[in-house]
Amino acid sequence: MTPFLAVFEFSDYCIIVAIVAAFAGGAVYTTRPNSLDLLRLQRQVQELQQKLDALLKHHGIEMPTPPPSDLSPEVQLLARDPEQKIAAIKLYRKEKPEVGLAEAKEKIEEFYKSGR
């Protein structure tokens, strides 16, 4: 008995590869984010923010300002990006040598979680 794959010729394999590539390309195309959808979502978020601001103003509610941070603007910029967390900790410790590693890490994570 001959093995199953030995029955195919080279052209058969080429056709199979083309079919797989077509399905894979179609899957990638349909799952990619659509820039129009992103723009629409951004517009909706902006409209909701404006409505929320109008409601707060109408009812006389003022949002409390976040407490000032003891982080420098450069450290804040780095701390907002999760991929730059280590760089933010290093810069914070460079600016404040008396601070330990654990305390610096805690400050950066606290700032990141506060969303400022």
Protein backbone atom coordinates (compact mmCIF):
# COMPACT_ATOMS: atom_id res chain seq x y z
CA MET A 1 0.00 0.00 0.00
CA THR A 2 1.34 3.43 -0.91
CA PRO A 3 1.41 6.25 1.65
CA PHE A 4 -1.35 8.83 1.26
CA LEU A 5 0.97 11.78 0.53
CA ALA A 6 2.95 9.84 -2.08
CA VAL A 7 -0.07 9.92 -4.41
CA PHE A 8 0.07 13.71 -4.87
CA GLU A 9 2.20 15.36 -7.52
CA PHE A 10 4.06 18.65 -7.19
CA SER A 11 1.23 20.62 -8.81
CA ASP A 12 -1.20 19.19 -6.26
CA TYR A 13 0.96 20.50 -3.43
CA CYS A 14 1.11 23.94 -5.10
CA ILE A 15 -2.68 24.06 -5.30
CA ILE A 16 -3.00 23.09 -1.63
CA VAL A 17 -0.51 25.81 -0.62
CA ALA A 18 -2.42 28.40 -2.68
CA ILE A 19 -5.72 27.44 -1.03
CA VAL A 20 -4.21 27.62 2.48
CA ALA A 21 -2.59 30.98 1.69
CA ALA A 22 -5.89 32.36 0.40
CA PHE A 23 -7.75 31.31 3.55
CA ALA A 24 -4.98 32.62 5.82
CA GLY A 25 -4.91 35.95 3.98
CA GLY A 26 -8.67 36.25 4.20
CA ALA A 27 -8.58 35.56 7.92
CA VAL A 28 -5.91 38.19 8.48
CA TYR A 29 -7.82 40.73 6.38
CA THR A 30 -11.11 40.23 8.20
CA THR A 31 -9.62 40.30 11.71
CA ARG A 32 -7.55 43.47 11.33
CA PRO A 33 -8.91 46.57 13.08
CA ASN A 34 -10.71 48.93 10.78
CA SER A 35 -9.52 52.53 11.01
CA LEU A 36 -13.07 53.78 10.40
CA ASP A 37 -14.29 51.79 13.40
CA LEU A 38 -11.55 53.31 15.54
CA LEU A 39 -12.44 56.82 14.42
CA ARG A 40 -16.11 56.18 15.15
CA LEU A 41 -15.29 54.87 18.63
CA GLN A 42 -13.07 57.87 19.34
CA ARG A 43 -15.87 60.22 18.29
CA GLN A 44 -18.36 58.38 20.50
CA VAL A 45 -16.03 58.58 23.50
CA GLN A 46 -15.53 62.30 22.89
CA GLU A 47 -19.31 62.84 22.68
CA LEU A 48 -19.85 60.91 25.92
CA GLN A 49 -17.16 62.97 27.62
CA GLN A 50 -18.87 66.19 26.49
CA LYS A 51 -22.24 64.96 27.77
CA LEU A 52 -20.73 63.95 31.10
CA ASP A 53 -19.05 67.34 31.43
CA ALA A 54 -22.37 69.09 30.67
CA LEU A 55 -24.20 67.00 33.28
CA LEU A 56 -21.58 67.68 35.92
CA LYS A 57 -21.64 71.40 35.15
CA HIS A 58 -25.46 71.48 35.20
CA HIS A 59 -25.57 69.87 38.65
CA GLY A 60 -22.73 72.02 39.96
CA ILE A 61 -20.38 69.11 40.55
CA GLU A 62 -16.68 69.73 40.18
CA MET A 63 -14.28 66.87 39.77
CA PRO A 64 -11.54 66.99 42.39
CA THR A 65 -8.11 67.70 41.02
CA PRO A 66 -5.63 64.92 41.58
CA PRO A 67 -3.04 65.60 44.25
CA PRO A 68 0.25 66.90 42.89
CA SER A 69 2.80 64.23 42.18
CA ASP A 70 6.35 64.42 43.46
CA LEU A 71 7.50 62.86 40.17
CA SER A 72 9.27 65.09 37.68
CA PRO A 73 7.58 65.62 34.29
CA GLU A 74 10.20 63.38 32.65
CA VAL A 75 9.52 60.54 35.09
CA GLN A 76 5.76 61.02 34.66
CA LEU A 77 6.13 60.75 30.88
CA LEU A 78 8.05 57.50 31.23
CA ALA A 79 5.74 56.15 33.94
CA ARG A 80 2.66 56.51 31.72
CA ASP A 81 4.09 53.92 29.32
CA PRO A 82 4.11 50.41 30.80
CA GLU A 83 7.04 49.43 28.57
CA GLN A 84 9.13 52.28 30.07
CA LYS A 85 8.45 51.41 33.70
CA ILE A 86 12.03 50.31 34.39
CA ALA A 87 13.41 53.48 32.79
CA ALA A 88 11.04 55.55 34.93
CA ILE A 89 12.21 53.79 38.10
CA LYS A 90 15.87 54.33 37.16
CA LEU A 91 15.32 58.02 36.45
CA TYR A 92 13.34 58.50 39.67
CA ARG A 93 16.13 56.89 41.70
CA LYS A 94 18.69 59.02 39.85
CA GLU A 95 16.76 62.17 40.77
CA LYS A 96 16.21 60.98 44.37
CA PRO A 97 19.20 58.84 45.39
CA GLU A 98 17.88 58.38 48.94
CA VAL A 99 14.89 56.35 47.65
CA GLY A 100 15.21 52.58 47.58
CA LEU A 101 14.29 50.34 44.70
CA ALA A 102 11.09 49.01 46.28
CA GLU A 103 9.85 52.49 47.16
CA ALA A 104 10.64 53.82 43.68
CA LYS A 105 8.84 50.89 42.06
CA GLU A 106 5.84 51.49 44.32
CA LYS A 107 5.73 55.22 43.43
CA ILE A 108 5.88 54.52 39.69
CA GLU A 109 3.19 51.83 39.85
CA GLU A 110 0.99 54.05 42.02
CA PHE A 111 1.32 56.87 39.49
CA TYR A 112 0.52 54.51 36.60
CA LYS A 113 -2.57 53.11 38.35
CA SER A 114 -3.85 56.61 39.13
CA GLY A 115 -4.13 57.25 35.38
CA ARG A 116 -2.66 60.74 35.48
